[in-house]
Protein backbone atom coordinates (compact mmCIF):
# COMPACT_ATOMS: atom_id res chain seq x y z
CA MET A 1 8.26 -1.97 2.37
CA ARG A 2 7.37 -4.85 0.06
CA HIS A 3 10.60 -6.68 0.83
CA LYS A 4 9.71 -6.78 4.52
CA VAL A 5 6.41 -8.62 4.23
CA MET A 6 5.93 -10.13 0.77
CA SER A 7 7.50 -13.22 -0.68
CA GLN A 8 9.88 -12.70 -3.57
CA LEU A 9 8.65 -14.39 -6.75
CA GLU A 10 11.57 -13.82 -9.09
CA ILE A 11 14.40 -11.58 -10.20
CA GLN A 12 14.51 -10.74 -13.88
CA ASP A 13 16.94 -8.24 -15.38
CA GLN A 14 17.74 -6.97 -11.87
CA VAL A 15 14.05 -6.28 -11.17
CA ILE A 16 12.63 -8.03 -8.11
CA VAL A 17 9.00 -9.15 -8.36
CA TYR A 18 7.13 -9.59 -5.07
CA ASP A 19 3.99 -11.64 -4.48
CA SER A 20 1.28 -9.38 -3.03
CA GLN A 21 -0.83 -12.50 -2.44
CA SER A 22 1.70 -13.82 0.08
CA ILE A 23 0.09 -11.58 2.70
CA ARG A 24 -3.55 -11.92 3.75
CA TRP A 25 -4.52 -8.27 3.28
CA ASP A 26 -8.13 -9.14 4.15
CA ASP A 27 -6.93 -9.82 7.71
CA PHE A 28 -5.93 -6.18 8.17
CA ASP A 29 -7.50 -4.81 11.35
CA TRP A 30 -8.83 -1.26 10.92
CA THR A 31 -8.88 -0.83 14.73
CA LEU A 32 -8.04 2.88 14.79
CA GLY A 33 -10.13 3.70 11.74
CA TYR A 34 -9.22 5.40 8.51
CA GLN A 35 -9.48 8.62 6.57
CA LYS A 36 -11.25 8.83 3.23
CA HIS A 37 -9.16 10.24 0.45
CA PHE A 38 -9.95 11.06 -3.17
CA ILE A 39 -7.12 10.35 -5.61
CA THR A 40 -5.81 13.29 -7.62
CA LYS A 41 -4.24 13.24 -11.07
CA ASP A 42 -0.81 13.94 -9.54
CA GLU A 43 -1.21 10.96 -7.19
CA ILE A 44 -1.97 8.64 -10.10
CA LEU A 45 1.25 9.77 -11.76
CA LYS A 46 3.21 9.69 -8.49
CA GLY A 47 1.51 7.23 -6.15
CA TYR A 48 4.11 7.74 -3.46
CA LEU A 49 2.64 11.21 -2.81
CA ILE A 50 -0.27 9.64 -0.92
CA ALA A 51 2.00 7.88 1.58
CA GLU A 52 4.22 10.92 1.87
CA ASN A 53 1.28 13.24 2.56
CA PHE A 54 -0.42 10.98 5.12
CA TYR A 55 2.54 9.25 6.77
CA GLY A 56 5.57 11.34 5.86
CA ASP A 57 7.14 8.20 4.36
CA VAL A 58 6.92 7.12 0.71
CA ASN A 59 7.58 3.48 1.64
CA TYR A 60 3.94 2.88 2.56
CA GLU A 61 2.67 3.50 -0.98
CA SER A 62 2.21 -0.16 -1.91
CA VAL A 63 0.56 -0.97 1.43
CA ILE A 64 -2.07 1.74 0.89
CA PHE A 65 -2.79 0.46 -2.62
CA LEU A 66 -2.96 -3.20 -1.58
CA LEU A 67 -5.26 -2.47 1.37
CA ASN A 68 -7.58 -0.75 -1.09
CA SER A 69 -7.40 -3.67 -3.55
CA ILE A 70 -5.59 -1.56 -6.13
CA SER A 71 -3.22 -3.75 -8.10
CA ASP A 72 -2.44 -1.15 -10.75
CA PRO A 73 -2.59 2.54 -9.75
CA TRP A 74 -2.56 3.47 -13.44
CA ASP A 75 -6.08 2.01 -13.71
CA MET A 76 -7.46 4.61 -11.29
CA VAL A 77 -9.13 7.83 -12.31
CA PRO A 78 -9.00 11.15 -10.47
CA GLY A 79 -11.67 11.18 -7.79
CA THR A 80 -11.35 7.48 -6.91
CA GLU A 81 -12.06 7.13 -3.19
CA ILE A 82 -9.62 5.13 -1.06
CA ARG A 83 -9.21 4.52 2.66
CA ILE A 84 -6.03 5.61 4.40
CA PRO A 85 -5.57 3.49 7.53
CA ASN A 86 -4.13 4.80 10.74
CA LEU A 87 -0.34 4.46 10.66
CA VAL A 88 -0.27 2.54 13.97
CA ASP A 89 -2.60 -0.10 12.48
CA VAL A 90 -0.34 -0.36 9.41
CA GLN A 91 2.82 -0.70 11.48
CA THR A 92 1.22 -3.32 13.75
CA PHE A 93 0.02 -5.32 10.75
CA LEU A 94 3.44 -5.20 9.09
CA LEU A 95 5.18 -6.17 12.32
CA ASN A 96 2.86 -9.16 12.79
CA ASN A 97 3.26 -10.25 9.16
CA SER A 98 7.00 -9.72 8.68
CA LYS A 99 8.98 -12.55 7.12
């Protein structure tokens, strides 16, 4: 998902680094609301589980983290509360902010 909306900063040793600041995440419109979710230990180890459980698609993992101002999921502790936006709001935002 990152490659669709974020600017590429560099490629080093075949690893692509994307610029999360290239998108104005503060402009996200929570029109259809959100669900509160409390992070589990398994989700810290495997962040993609959150996107898979809520959206059925692991590709939204980074979007969920960025919308919750989480730059490093490893810094979270079990029980951290995050907001899971409605998928339609996420898709609309990504569509409007695609490169």
